[in-house]
């Protein structure tokens, strides 16, 4: 059986990352029995300077891209439809806020040390927390609840958050991927050689993974 390693560079704040993850997980399901896939989530912050309390998402996107409100709302509607199609529901309300995600990345790193299943479960829980519940991912109580919802030890998660643990590791990884030329997310690197960019559908990931499996 072919062995494939995937580095999924993404941010919890990125809705297209949720779309891409849903597509990738479905592609991995389709390849069961054909390839053994090791999936690792790597950190990237879209809004590293986001202040406490966050910012209205629509207003932030209007300022960032120079779009009017109607265009931003139309784009968000498309994203929510794509996300729902791959099992990653979102709520795109006008009062949604964007939040800092650095501590979420620390928890994702911690979960990855426990295993792939744990890291996937936490990543999905955090995406739901951010994009469906629209809870503040810079809040330790919110993050601990997301860890608990993912089946992880809530007390251990709280200890990680309170201690500042894995901050250096997350920053080092972020810098490493920047140096490798990653400037947008999701960026999905397969076997350290092939890049799939954007929130692709399951078919695109399946095609890429099958091609890599055949080469291996």
N, C-alpha and C. Protein backbone atom coordinates (compact mmCIF):
# COMPACT_ATOMS: atom_id res chain seq x y z
N UNK A 1 0.84 -1.20 0.00
CA UNK A 1 0.00 0.00 0.00
C UNK A 1 0.88 1.25 0.00
N UNK A 2 0.53 2.20 -0.83
CA UNK A 2 1.30 3.44 -0.92
C UNK A 2 1.16 4.25 0.36
N UNK A 3 2.25 4.91 0.74
CA UNK A 3 2.25 5.79 1.91
C UNK A 3 2.38 7.23 1.44
N UNK A 4 1.48 8.07 1.91
CA UNK A 4 1.43 9.47 1.49
C UNK A 4 1.43 10.35 2.73
N UNK A 5 2.24 11.40 2.70
CA UNK A 5 2.27 12.38 3.77
C UNK A 5 1.69 13.70 3.26
N UNK A 6 0.78 14.28 4.01
CA UNK A 6 0.16 15.54 3.63
C UNK A 6 0.38 16.57 4.72
N UNK A 7 0.91 17.72 4.33
CA UNK A 7 0.99 18.88 5.21
C UNK A 7 -0.10 19.85 4.79
N UNK A 8 -1.07 20.07 5.67
CA UNK A 8 -2.23 20.92 5.39
C UNK A 8 -1.99 22.25 6.10
N UNK A 9 -1.48 23.23 5.35
CA UNK A 9 -1.18 24.54 5.92
C UNK A 9 -2.45 25.38 5.87
N UNK A 10 -2.88 25.85 7.04
CA UNK A 10 -4.20 26.50 7.08
C UNK A 10 -4.36 27.32 8.34
N UNK A 11 -5.47 28.05 8.38
CA UNK A 11 -5.84 28.83 9.56
C UNK A 11 -7.29 28.52 9.91
N UNK A 12 -7.56 28.41 11.19
CA UNK A 12 -8.94 28.19 11.64
C UNK A 12 -9.85 29.31 11.14
N UNK A 13 -9.31 30.51 10.99
CA UNK A 13 -10.12 31.66 10.55
C UNK A 13 -10.48 31.62 9.07
N UNK A 14 -9.89 30.72 8.32
CA UNK A 14 -10.04 30.68 6.86
C UNK A 14 -11.21 29.77 6.46
N UNK A 15 -12.29 30.33 5.92
CA UNK A 15 -13.42 29.47 5.54
C UNK A 15 -13.09 28.54 4.38
N UNK A 16 -12.24 28.99 3.46
CA UNK A 16 -11.85 28.10 2.36
C UNK A 16 -11.03 26.91 2.86
N UNK A 17 -10.36 27.08 4.01
CA UNK A 17 -9.63 25.96 4.61
C UNK A 17 -10.60 24.88 5.08
N UNK A 18 -11.75 25.30 5.58
CA UNK A 18 -12.78 24.32 5.97
C UNK A 18 -13.30 23.59 4.75
N UNK A 19 -13.52 24.32 3.66
CA UNK A 19 -13.96 23.69 2.41
C UNK A 19 -12.92 22.68 1.95
N UNK A 20 -11.66 23.11 1.94
CA UNK A 20 -10.59 22.22 1.50
C UNK A 20 -10.43 21.00 2.38
N UNK A 21 -10.56 21.18 3.70
CA UNK A 21 -10.42 20.04 4.59
C UNK A 21 -11.55 19.04 4.37
N UNK A 22 -12.76 19.54 4.21
CA UNK A 22 -13.87 18.62 3.93
C UNK A 22 -13.64 17.82 2.67
N UNK A 23 -13.13 18.50 1.63
CA UNK A 23 -12.83 17.81 0.38
C UNK A 23 -11.71 16.80 0.53
N UNK A 24 -10.67 17.16 1.27
CA UNK A 24 -9.54 16.26 1.46
C UNK A 24 -9.94 15.03 2.27
N UNK A 25 -10.69 15.22 3.33
CA UNK A 25 -11.10 14.07 4.16
C UNK A 25 -11.96 13.09 3.37
N UNK A 26 -12.82 13.61 2.49
CA UNK A 26 -13.62 12.73 1.64
C UNK A 26 -12.72 11.99 0.66
N UNK A 27 -11.74 12.68 0.10
CA UNK A 27 -10.80 12.02 -0.82
C UNK A 27 -10.02 10.92 -0.10
N UNK A 28 -9.60 11.20 1.13
CA UNK A 28 -8.89 10.19 1.90
C UNK A 28 -9.78 8.98 2.16
N UNK A 29 -11.05 9.22 2.42
CA UNK A 29 -11.99 8.11 2.63
C UNK A 29 -12.09 7.25 1.38
N UNK A 30 -12.12 7.90 0.22
CA UNK A 30 -12.23 7.16 -1.03
C UNK A 30 -10.98 6.33 -1.33
N UNK A 31 -9.86 6.72 -0.76
CA UNK A 31 -8.61 6.01 -1.02
C UNK A 31 -8.30 4.95 0.04
N UNK A 32 -9.20 4.73 0.98
CA UNK A 32 -8.96 3.71 2.00
C UNK A 32 -8.73 2.36 1.33
N UNK A 33 -7.67 1.68 1.74
CA UNK A 33 -7.30 0.42 1.12
C UNK A 33 -6.35 0.57 -0.05
N UNK A 34 -6.19 1.80 -0.53
CA UNK A 34 -5.29 2.07 -1.64
C UNK A 34 -4.04 2.79 -1.18
N UNK A 35 -4.21 3.70 -0.23
CA UNK A 35 -3.08 4.48 0.27
C UNK A 35 -3.23 4.72 1.76
N UNK A 36 -2.12 4.74 2.45
CA UNK A 36 -2.07 5.09 3.87
C UNK A 36 -1.62 6.54 3.98
N UNK A 37 -2.51 7.39 4.44
CA UNK A 37 -2.25 8.83 4.42
C UNK A 37 -1.96 9.34 5.83
N UNK A 38 -0.82 10.01 5.98
CA UNK A 38 -0.48 10.69 7.23
C UNK A 38 -0.74 12.17 7.04
N UNK A 39 -1.73 12.70 7.75
CA UNK A 39 -2.15 14.09 7.60
C UNK A 39 -1.67 14.90 8.80
N UNK A 40 -1.00 16.01 8.51
CA UNK A 40 -0.50 16.90 9.56
C UNK A 40 -0.99 18.32 9.29
N UNK A 41 -1.54 18.96 10.31
CA UNK A 41 -1.98 20.34 10.17
C UNK A 41 -0.84 21.29 10.56
N UNK A 42 -0.59 22.26 9.68
CA UNK A 42 0.49 23.22 9.89
C UNK A 42 -0.09 24.63 10.03
N UNK A 43 0.50 25.46 10.89
CA UNK A 43 -0.11 26.75 11.21
C UNK A 43 0.18 27.86 10.20
N UNK A 44 -0.82 28.71 10.04
CA UNK A 44 -0.73 29.93 9.23
C UNK A 44 -1.76 30.89 9.81
N UNK A 45 -1.38 32.13 10.07
CA UNK A 45 -2.32 33.10 10.63
C UNK A 45 -2.67 34.16 9.60
N UNK A 46 -3.94 34.25 9.25
CA UNK A 46 -4.40 35.28 8.34
C UNK A 46 -4.44 36.65 9.01
N UNK A 47 -4.73 36.65 10.30
CA UNK A 47 -4.90 37.92 11.03
C UNK A 47 -4.10 37.89 12.33
N UNK A 48 -2.76 37.84 12.22
CA UNK A 48 -1.96 37.69 13.45
C UNK A 48 -2.07 38.87 14.40
N UNK A 49 -2.46 40.02 13.90
CA UNK A 49 -2.56 41.21 14.75
C UNK A 49 -3.99 41.52 15.18
N UNK A 50 -4.89 40.54 15.02
CA UNK A 50 -6.28 40.76 15.39
C UNK A 50 -6.39 41.07 16.89
N UNK A 51 -7.01 42.18 17.27
CA UNK A 51 -7.08 42.55 18.69
C UNK A 51 -8.09 41.71 19.46
N UNK A 52 -8.03 41.82 20.76
CA UNK A 52 -9.00 41.14 21.62
C UNK A 52 -10.41 41.59 21.26
N UNK A 53 -11.33 40.64 21.24
CA UNK A 53 -12.70 40.95 20.88
C UNK A 53 -12.99 40.83 19.41
N UNK A 54 -11.92 40.79 18.61
CA UNK A 54 -12.09 40.58 17.18
C UNK A 54 -12.63 41.79 16.44
N UNK A 55 -13.08 41.53 15.21
CA UNK A 55 -13.57 42.58 14.32
C UNK A 55 -14.69 42.02 13.47
N UNK A 56 -15.67 42.86 13.13
CA UNK A 56 -16.74 42.41 12.26
C UNK A 56 -16.16 41.88 10.96
N UNK A 57 -16.55 40.67 10.58
CA UNK A 57 -15.93 40.00 9.44
C UNK A 57 -16.23 40.72 8.13
N UNK A 58 -17.46 41.11 7.92
CA UNK A 58 -17.80 41.78 6.66
C UNK A 58 -17.04 43.10 6.54
N UNK A 59 -16.99 43.86 7.61
CA UNK A 59 -16.26 45.13 7.56
C UNK A 59 -14.77 44.90 7.32
N UNK A 60 -14.22 43.85 7.91
CA UNK A 60 -12.80 43.54 7.71
C UNK A 60 -12.53 43.19 6.25
N UNK A 61 -13.39 42.37 5.65
CA UNK A 61 -13.19 41.96 4.26
C UNK A 61 -13.39 43.13 3.30
N UNK A 62 -14.35 44.00 3.60
CA UNK A 62 -14.55 45.18 2.77
C UNK A 62 -13.29 46.06 2.77
N UNK A 63 -12.70 46.23 3.95
CA UNK A 63 -11.50 47.06 4.06
C UNK A 63 -10.30 46.38 3.40
N UNK A 64 -10.19 45.06 3.55
CA UNK A 64 -9.03 44.34 3.04
C UNK A 64 -9.02 44.30 1.51
N UNK A 65 -10.18 44.03 0.91
CA UNK A 65 -10.22 43.82 -0.54
C UNK A 65 -10.82 44.99 -1.32
N UNK A 66 -11.38 45.96 -0.62
CA UNK A 66 -11.99 47.08 -1.31
C UNK A 66 -13.33 46.75 -1.94
N UNK A 67 -13.97 45.67 -1.46
CA UNK A 67 -15.27 45.25 -2.00
C UNK A 67 -16.39 46.01 -1.30
N UNK A 68 -17.54 46.10 -1.99
CA UNK A 68 -18.71 46.62 -1.30
C UNK A 68 -19.38 45.49 -0.52
N UNK A 69 -20.31 45.86 0.34
CA UNK A 69 -20.95 44.88 1.22
C UNK A 69 -21.64 43.77 0.44
N UNK A 70 -22.30 44.11 -0.65
CA UNK A 70 -23.05 43.12 -1.43
C UNK A 70 -22.11 42.06 -2.01
N UNK A 71 -20.94 42.49 -2.49
CA UNK A 71 -20.00 41.53 -3.06
C UNK A 71 -19.45 40.60 -1.99
N UNK A 72 -19.13 41.16 -0.84
CA UNK A 72 -18.64 40.32 0.26
C UNK A 72 -19.70 39.30 0.67
N UNK A 73 -20.94 39.74 0.80
CA UNK A 73 -22.01 38.83 1.19
C UNK A 73 -22.22 37.74 0.14
N UNK A 74 -22.12 38.09 -1.14
CA UNK A 74 -22.29 37.10 -2.20
C UNK A 74 -21.16 36.07 -2.15
N UNK A 75 -19.94 36.53 -1.93
CA UNK A 75 -18.81 35.61 -1.84
C UNK A 75 -18.97 34.66 -0.65
N UNK A 76 -19.42 35.19 0.46
CA UNK A 76 -19.60 34.37 1.66
C UNK A 76 -20.71 33.34 1.47
N UNK A 77 -21.72 33.69 0.71
CA UNK A 77 -22.79 32.74 0.41
C UNK A 77 -22.25 31.56 -0.40
N UNK A 78 -21.40 31.85 -1.38
CA UNK A 78 -20.79 30.79 -2.19
C UNK A 78 -19.96 29.87 -1.31
N UNK A 79 -19.16 30.46 -0.43
CA UNK A 79 -18.31 29.66 0.45
C UNK A 79 -19.15 28.77 1.35
N UNK A 80 -20.21 29.31 1.92
CA UNK A 80 -21.04 28.52 2.84
C UNK A 80 -21.70 27.36 2.11
N UNK A 81 -22.08 27.56 0.87
CA UNK A 81 -22.68 26.48 0.08
C UNK A 81 -21.65 25.39 -0.21
N UNK A 82 -20.44 25.81 -0.58
CA UNK A 82 -19.37 24.84 -0.84
C UNK A 82 -19.03 24.06 0.44
N UNK A 83 -19.00 24.76 1.56
CA UNK A 83 -18.66 24.11 2.82
C UNK A 83 -19.73 23.10 3.23
N UNK A 84 -20.98 23.47 3.08
CA UNK A 84 -22.08 22.56 3.44
C UNK A 84 -22.02 21.29 2.59
N UNK A 85 -21.59 21.43 1.34
CA UNK A 85 -21.55 20.28 0.43
C UNK A 85 -20.52 19.24 0.85
N UNK A 86 -19.52 19.65 1.66
CA UNK A 86 -18.51 18.70 2.12
C UNK A 86 -18.60 18.49 3.64
N UNK A 87 -19.77 18.75 4.20
CA UNK A 87 -20.00 18.45 5.60
C UNK A 87 -19.37 19.39 6.59
N UNK A 88 -19.14 20.65 6.17
CA UNK A 88 -18.55 21.64 7.07
C UNK A 88 -19.47 22.86 7.14
N UNK A 89 -20.61 22.76 7.80
CA UNK A 89 -21.59 23.84 7.80
C UNK A 89 -21.07 25.13 8.44
N UNK A 90 -21.52 26.24 7.90
CA UNK A 90 -21.13 27.56 8.40
C UNK A 90 -22.36 28.44 8.54
N UNK A 91 -22.24 29.43 9.39
CA UNK A 91 -23.27 30.47 9.49
C UNK A 91 -22.63 31.78 9.09
N UNK A 92 -23.09 32.34 7.99
CA UNK A 92 -22.53 33.57 7.46
C UNK A 92 -23.45 34.74 7.80
N UNK A 93 -23.53 35.09 9.07
CA UNK A 93 -24.39 36.18 9.51
C UNK A 93 -23.66 37.52 9.37
N UNK A 94 -24.44 38.59 9.27
CA UNK A 94 -23.84 39.92 9.10
C UNK A 94 -23.05 40.37 10.32
N UNK A 95 -23.37 39.81 11.49
CA UNK A 95 -22.66 40.23 12.70
C UNK A 95 -21.53 39.27 13.09
N UNK A 96 -21.16 38.34 12.19
CA UNK A 96 -20.02 37.47 12.47
C UNK A 96 -18.76 38.30 12.73
N UNK A 97 -17.93 37.78 13.62
CA UNK A 97 -16.68 38.47 13.93
C UNK A 97 -15.49 37.56 13.62
N UNK A 98 -14.37 38.19 13.29
CA UNK A 98 -13.11 37.48 13.07
C UNK A 98 -12.27 37.61 14.34
N UNK A 99 -11.59 36.51 14.68
CA UNK A 99 -10.85 36.47 15.94
C UNK A 99 -9.41 36.01 15.73
N UNK A 100 -8.57 36.28 16.71
CA UNK A 100 -7.20 35.80 16.71
C UNK A 100 -7.20 34.28 16.89
N UNK A 101 -6.28 33.59 16.21
CA UNK A 101 -6.27 32.12 16.24
C UNK A 101 -4.95 31.52 16.73
N UNK A 102 -4.04 32.34 17.25
CA UNK A 102 -2.73 31.81 17.63
C UNK A 102 -2.85 30.69 18.66
N UNK A 103 -3.66 30.90 19.69
CA UNK A 103 -3.80 29.87 20.73
C UNK A 103 -4.49 28.62 20.19
N UNK A 104 -5.35 28.79 19.20
CA UNK A 104 -5.96 27.62 18.56
C UNK A 104 -4.88 26.79 17.88
N UNK A 105 -3.90 27.45 17.26
CA UNK A 105 -2.81 26.71 16.63
C UNK A 105 -1.96 25.98 17.66
N UNK A 106 -1.79 26.57 18.83
CA UNK A 106 -1.05 25.87 19.89
C UNK A 106 -1.77 24.59 20.30
N UNK A 107 -3.09 24.66 20.40
CA UNK A 107 -3.86 23.46 20.76
C UNK A 107 -3.79 22.41 19.66
N UNK A 108 -3.85 22.85 18.41
CA UNK A 108 -3.76 21.91 17.29
C UNK A 108 -2.42 21.19 17.31
N UNK A 109 -1.35 21.93 17.61
CA UNK A 109 -0.03 21.31 17.74
C UNK A 109 -0.04 20.26 18.84
N UNK A 110 -0.61 20.61 19.98
CA UNK A 110 -0.71 19.68 21.11
C UNK A 110 -1.49 18.43 20.72
N UNK A 111 -2.60 18.60 20.04
CA UNK A 111 -3.40 17.44 19.63
C UNK A 111 -2.63 16.55 18.67
N UNK A 112 -1.83 17.17 17.81
CA UNK A 112 -1.05 16.38 16.86
C UNK A 112 -0.04 15.48 17.53
N UNK A 113 0.44 15.87 18.69
CA UNK A 113 1.38 15.02 19.43
C UNK A 113 0.69 13.77 19.96
N UNK A 114 -0.64 13.82 20.07
CA UNK A 114 -1.40 12.67 20.56
C UNK A 114 -1.80 11.71 19.44
N UNK A 115 -1.86 12.21 18.22
CA UNK A 115 -2.20 11.33 17.11
C UNK A 115 -2.98 12.04 16.02
N UNK A 116 -3.02 11.40 14.86
CA UNK A 116 -3.71 12.00 13.72
C UNK A 116 -5.20 12.15 13.97
N UNK A 117 -5.83 11.13 14.51
CA UNK A 117 -7.28 11.18 14.74
C UNK A 117 -7.63 12.32 15.70
N UNK A 118 -6.81 12.49 16.73
CA UNK A 118 -7.07 13.55 17.70
C UNK A 118 -6.91 14.93 17.06
N UNK A 119 -5.89 15.06 16.21
CA UNK A 119 -5.66 16.37 15.59
C UNK A 119 -6.77 16.71 14.60
N UNK A 120 -7.21 15.73 13.83
CA UNK A 120 -8.32 15.96 12.90
C UNK A 120 -9.58 16.35 13.66
N UNK A 121 -9.86 15.62 14.74
CA UNK A 121 -11.07 15.91 15.52
C UNK A 121 -11.04 17.32 16.08
N UNK A 122 -9.88 17.75 16.59
CA UNK A 122 -9.79 19.10 17.15
C UNK A 122 -9.90 20.15 16.06
N UNK A 123 -9.25 19.91 14.93
CA UNK A 123 -9.32 20.88 13.84
C UNK A 123 -10.77 21.08 13.40
N UNK A 124 -11.50 20.01 13.24
CA UNK A 124 -12.91 20.12 12.84
C UNK A 124 -13.73 20.83 13.91
N UNK A 125 -13.45 20.54 15.18
CA UNK A 125 -14.17 21.18 16.27
C UNK A 125 -13.90 22.68 16.29
N UNK A 126 -12.65 23.07 16.06
CA UNK A 126 -12.30 24.49 16.05
C UNK A 126 -12.91 25.21 14.86
N UNK A 127 -12.96 24.55 13.72
CA UNK A 127 -13.60 25.16 12.55
C UNK A 127 -15.09 25.40 12.80
N UNK A 128 -15.73 24.43 13.46
CA UNK A 128 -17.14 24.61 13.81
C UNK A 128 -17.30 25.74 14.83
N UNK A 129 -16.41 25.78 15.81
CA UNK A 129 -16.45 26.84 16.82
C UNK A 129 -16.36 28.21 16.17
N UNK A 130 -15.48 28.33 15.20
CA UNK A 130 -15.23 29.64 14.57
C UNK A 130 -16.31 29.98 13.55
N UNK A 131 -16.61 29.06 12.65
CA UNK A 131 -17.42 29.40 11.48
C UNK A 131 -18.91 29.09 11.64
N UNK A 132 -19.27 28.24 12.58
CA UNK A 132 -20.69 27.95 12.80
C UNK A 132 -21.19 28.62 14.09
N UNK A 133 -20.45 28.42 15.17
CA UNK A 133 -20.85 29.04 16.44
C UNK A 133 -20.40 30.49 16.53
N UNK A 134 -19.34 30.83 15.77
CA UNK A 134 -18.74 32.17 15.79
C UNK A 134 -18.35 32.58 17.21
N UNK A 135 -17.69 31.64 17.90
CA UNK A 135 -17.17 31.92 19.23
C UNK A 135 -15.72 32.38 19.13
N UNK A 136 -15.28 33.10 20.13
CA UNK A 136 -13.98 33.76 20.13
C UNK A 136 -12.85 32.75 20.37
N UNK A 137 -12.07 32.48 19.33
CA UNK A 137 -10.99 31.49 19.43
C UNK A 137 -9.73 32.04 20.10
N UNK A 138 -9.80 33.24 20.65
CA UNK A 138 -8.71 33.72 21.50
C UNK A 138 -9.05 33.54 22.97
N UNK A 139 -10.24 33.02 23.25
CA UNK A 139 -10.73 32.83 24.61
C UNK A 139 -10.41 31.40 25.08
N UNK A 140 -9.73 31.29 26.20
CA UNK A 140 -9.30 29.98 26.69
C UNK A 140 -10.47 29.06 26.99
N UNK A 141 -11.56 29.59 27.52
CA UNK A 141 -12.73 28.76 27.81
C UNK A 141 -13.33 28.19 26.53
N UNK A 142 -13.39 29.02 25.50
CA UNK A 142 -13.92 28.57 24.21
C UNK A 142 -13.04 27.46 23.63
N UNK A 143 -11.74 27.64 23.69
CA UNK A 143 -10.82 26.65 23.14
C UNK A 143 -10.86 25.35 23.93
N UNK A 144 -10.93 25.45 25.24
CA UNK A 144 -11.01 24.24 26.07
C UNK A 144 -12.29 23.47 25.77
N UNK A 145 -13.39 24.17 25.55
CA UNK A 145 -14.64 23.51 25.20
C UNK A 145 -14.53 22.82 23.85
N UNK A 146 -13.87 23.46 22.90
CA UNK A 146 -13.67 22.84 21.59
C UNK A 146 -12.85 21.56 21.71
N UNK A 147 -11.85 21.59 22.58
CA UNK A 147 -11.05 20.39 22.81
C UNK A 147 -11.90 19.28 23.43
N UNK A 148 -12.72 19.64 24.41
CA UNK A 148 -13.61 18.66 25.03
C UNK A 148 -14.58 18.08 24.02
N UNK A 149 -15.14 18.95 23.17
CA UNK A 149 -16.08 18.49 22.15
C UNK A 149 -15.42 17.52 21.17
N UNK A 150 -14.10 17.66 21.01
CA UNK A 150 -13.36 16.78 20.11
C UNK A 150 -12.93 15.48 20.78
N UNK A 151 -13.31 15.33 22.06
CA UNK A 151 -12.96 14.11 22.77
C UNK A 151 -11.61 14.15 23.46
N UNK A 152 -11.01 15.34 23.55
CA UNK A 152 -9.72 15.49 24.20
C UNK A 152 -9.90 15.90 25.66
N UNK A 153 -8.83 15.79 26.42
CA UNK A 153 -8.87 16.09 27.85
C UNK A 153 -8.95 17.60 28.06
N UNK A 154 -10.08 18.06 28.57
CA UNK A 154 -10.28 19.51 28.73
C UNK A 154 -9.29 20.11 29.72
N UNK A 155 -9.03 19.40 30.81
CA UNK A 155 -8.11 19.93 31.81
C UNK A 155 -6.70 20.06 31.23
N UNK A 156 -6.29 19.08 30.45
CA UNK A 156 -4.97 19.14 29.81
C UNK A 156 -4.91 20.28 28.81
N UNK A 157 -6.00 20.49 28.08
CA UNK A 157 -6.05 21.60 27.13
C UNK A 157 -5.92 22.93 27.85
N UNK A 158 -6.60 23.06 28.97
CA UNK A 158 -6.52 24.31 29.74
C UNK A 158 -5.09 24.54 30.25
N UNK A 159 -4.42 23.47 30.63
CA UNK A 159 -3.05 23.61 31.12
C UNK A 159 -2.13 24.09 29.99
N UNK A 160 -2.31 23.55 28.80
CA UNK A 160 -1.52 23.99 27.64
C UNK A 160 -1.76 25.48 27.38
N UNK A 161 -3.01 25.88 27.39
CA UNK A 161 -3.35 27.27 27.09
C UNK A 161 -2.78 28.22 28.15
N UNK A 162 -2.89 27.84 29.41
CA UNK A 162 -2.42 28.72 30.49
C UNK A 162 -0.91 28.83 30.53
N UNK A 163 -0.22 27.78 30.09
CA UNK A 163 1.24 27.72 30.21
C UNK A 163 1.97 28.44 29.09
N UNK A 164 1.28 28.68 27.98
CA UNK A 164 1.97 29.25 26.82
C UNK A 164 2.76 28.21 26.03
N UNK A 165 2.58 26.95 26.39
CA UNK A 165 3.33 25.88 25.73
C UNK A 165 3.05 25.83 24.23
N UNK A 166 4.08 25.46 23.48
CA UNK A 166 4.06 25.28 22.03
C UNK A 166 3.99 26.59 21.25
N UNK A 167 4.09 27.72 21.93
CA UNK A 167 4.10 29.00 21.21
C UNK A 167 5.32 29.10 20.30
N UNK A 168 6.48 28.72 20.81
CA UNK A 168 7.70 28.79 20.00
C UNK A 168 7.62 27.84 18.81
N UNK A 169 7.07 26.65 19.04
CA UNK A 169 6.96 25.68 17.95
C UNK A 169 6.03 26.19 16.85
N UNK A 170 4.92 26.79 17.23
CA UNK A 170 3.97 27.32 16.24
C UNK A 170 4.61 28.45 15.45
N UNK A 171 5.28 29.37 16.12
CA UNK A 171 5.92 30.48 15.41
C UNK A 171 7.01 29.98 14.47
N UNK A 172 7.77 28.98 14.91
CA UNK A 172 8.83 28.43 14.06
C UNK A 172 8.24 27.77 12.82
N UNK A 173 7.15 27.05 12.99
CA UNK A 173 6.51 26.41 11.84
C UNK A 173 5.94 27.45 10.88
N UNK A 174 5.32 28.48 11.43
CA UNK A 174 4.78 29.54 10.57
C UNK A 174 5.88 30.16 9.73
N UNK A 175 7.02 30.43 10.35
CA UNK A 175 8.15 31.03 9.63
C UNK A 175 8.70 30.06 8.58
N UNK A 176 8.76 28.78 8.92
CA UNK A 176 9.26 27.78 7.98
C UNK A 176 8.42 27.75 6.70
N UNK A 177 7.10 27.75 6.85
CA UNK A 177 6.24 27.69 5.67
C UNK A 177 6.28 28.98 4.88
N UNK A 178 6.45 30.12 5.56
CA UNK A 178 6.62 31.38 4.83
C UNK A 178 7.89 31.34 3.98
N UNK A 179 8.97 30.83 4.56
CA UNK A 179 10.24 30.74 3.83
C UNK A 179 10.12 29.81 2.63
N UNK A 180 9.24 28.83 2.72
CA UNK A 180 9.02 27.90 1.60
C UNK A 180 8.08 28.49 0.55
N UNK A 181 7.61 29.70 0.77
CA UNK A 181 6.82 30.39 -0.24
C UNK A 181 5.32 30.29 -0.07
N UNK A 182 4.86 29.78 1.07
CA UNK A 182 3.42 29.69 1.29
C UNK A 182 2.90 31.05 1.74
N UNK A 183 2.05 31.65 0.92
CA UNK A 183 1.51 32.98 1.22
C UNK A 183 -0.01 33.00 1.28
N UNK A 184 -0.64 31.88 0.97
CA UNK A 184 -2.10 31.81 1.03
C UNK A 184 -2.51 30.42 1.49
N UNK A 185 -3.72 30.33 2.02
CA UNK A 185 -4.20 29.05 2.52
C UNK A 185 -5.65 28.82 2.06
N UNK A 186 -6.02 27.52 1.98
CA UNK A 186 -5.22 26.36 2.32
C UNK A 186 -4.18 26.04 1.26
N UNK A 187 -3.02 25.60 1.73
CA UNK A 187 -1.99 25.05 0.86
C UNK A 187 -1.74 23.62 1.32
N UNK A 188 -1.93 22.70 0.41
CA UNK A 188 -1.83 21.28 0.75
C UNK A 188 -0.62 20.70 0.03
N UNK A 189 0.38 20.30 0.80
CA UNK A 189 1.63 19.80 0.23
C UNK A 189 1.65 18.29 0.39
N UNK A 190 1.78 17.59 -0.73
CA UNK A 190 1.73 16.13 -0.74
C UNK A 190 3.14 15.58 -0.92
N UNK A 191 3.56 14.76 0.03
CA UNK A 191 4.89 14.15 0.02
C UNK A 191 6.01 15.17 -0.15
N UNK A 192 5.78 16.38 0.34
CA UNK A 192 6.81 17.41 0.28
C UNK A 192 7.14 17.89 -1.11
N UNK A 193 6.34 17.49 -2.12
CA UNK A 193 6.69 17.79 -3.51
C UNK A 193 5.57 18.47 -4.29
N UNK A 194 4.34 18.09 -4.03
CA UNK A 194 3.22 18.55 -4.86
C UNK A 194 2.32 19.48 -4.05
N UNK A 195 1.95 20.59 -4.67
CA UNK A 195 1.12 21.58 -4.00
C UNK A 195 -0.27 21.64 -4.62
N UNK A 196 -1.29 21.51 -3.77
CA UNK A 196 -2.67 21.73 -4.18
C UNK A 196 -3.16 22.95 -3.39
N UNK A 197 -3.56 23.99 -4.10
CA UNK A 197 -3.94 25.24 -3.45
C UNK A 197 -5.45 25.45 -3.48
N UNK A 198 -5.95 26.07 -2.43
CA UNK A 198 -7.34 26.49 -2.40
C UNK A 198 -8.30 25.43 -1.88
N UNK A 199 -9.54 25.84 -1.74
CA UNK A 199 -10.58 24.95 -1.22
C UNK A 199 -11.12 24.05 -2.32
N UNK A 200 -10.35 23.04 -2.67
CA UNK A 200 -10.69 22.17 -3.79
C UNK A 200 -11.76 21.15 -3.39
N UNK A 201 -12.52 20.66 -4.38
CA UNK A 201 -13.53 19.62 -4.10
C UNK A 201 -12.87 18.26 -3.92
N UNK A 202 -13.61 17.28 -3.41
CA UNK A 202 -13.03 15.95 -3.18
C UNK A 202 -12.37 15.36 -4.42
N UNK A 203 -12.98 15.58 -5.59
CA UNK A 203 -12.46 14.98 -6.82
C UNK A 203 -11.05 15.45 -7.14
N UNK A 204 -10.77 16.73 -6.88
CA UNK A 204 -9.44 17.26 -7.16
C UNK A 204 -8.39 16.63 -6.25
N UNK A 205 -8.72 16.52 -4.97
CA UNK A 205 -7.79 15.87 -4.05
C UNK A 205 -7.65 14.39 -4.36
N UNK A 206 -8.74 13.74 -4.69
CA UNK A 206 -8.68 12.31 -5.01
C UNK A 206 -7.77 12.07 -6.20
N UNK A 207 -7.91 12.88 -7.24
CA UNK A 207 -7.07 12.72 -8.42
C UNK A 207 -5.60 12.90 -8.08
N UNK A 208 -5.29 13.93 -7.29
CA UNK A 208 -3.90 14.18 -6.92
C UNK A 208 -3.34 13.04 -6.08
N UNK A 209 -4.12 12.56 -5.12
CA UNK A 209 -3.64 11.49 -4.25
C UNK A 209 -3.47 10.18 -5.00
N UNK A 210 -4.38 9.88 -5.91
CA UNK A 210 -4.25 8.64 -6.69
C UNK A 210 -3.01 8.70 -7.59
N UNK A 211 -2.74 9.87 -8.14
CA UNK A 211 -1.56 10.01 -8.99
C UNK A 211 -0.29 9.80 -8.18
N UNK A 212 -0.24 10.40 -6.99
CA UNK A 212 0.93 10.23 -6.13
C UNK A 212 1.06 8.78 -5.68
N UNK A 213 -0.06 8.14 -5.36
CA UNK A 213 -0.02 6.73 -4.94
C UNK A 213 0.52 5.84 -6.04
N UNK A 214 0.14 6.11 -7.28
CA UNK A 214 0.62 5.31 -8.40
C UNK A 214 2.11 5.51 -8.62
N UNK A 215 2.57 6.75 -8.40
CA UNK A 215 4.00 7.03 -8.57
C UNK A 215 4.83 6.36 -7.49
N UNK A 216 4.21 6.23 -6.29
CA UNK A 216 4.95 5.68 -5.17
C UNK A 216 5.11 4.18 -5.21
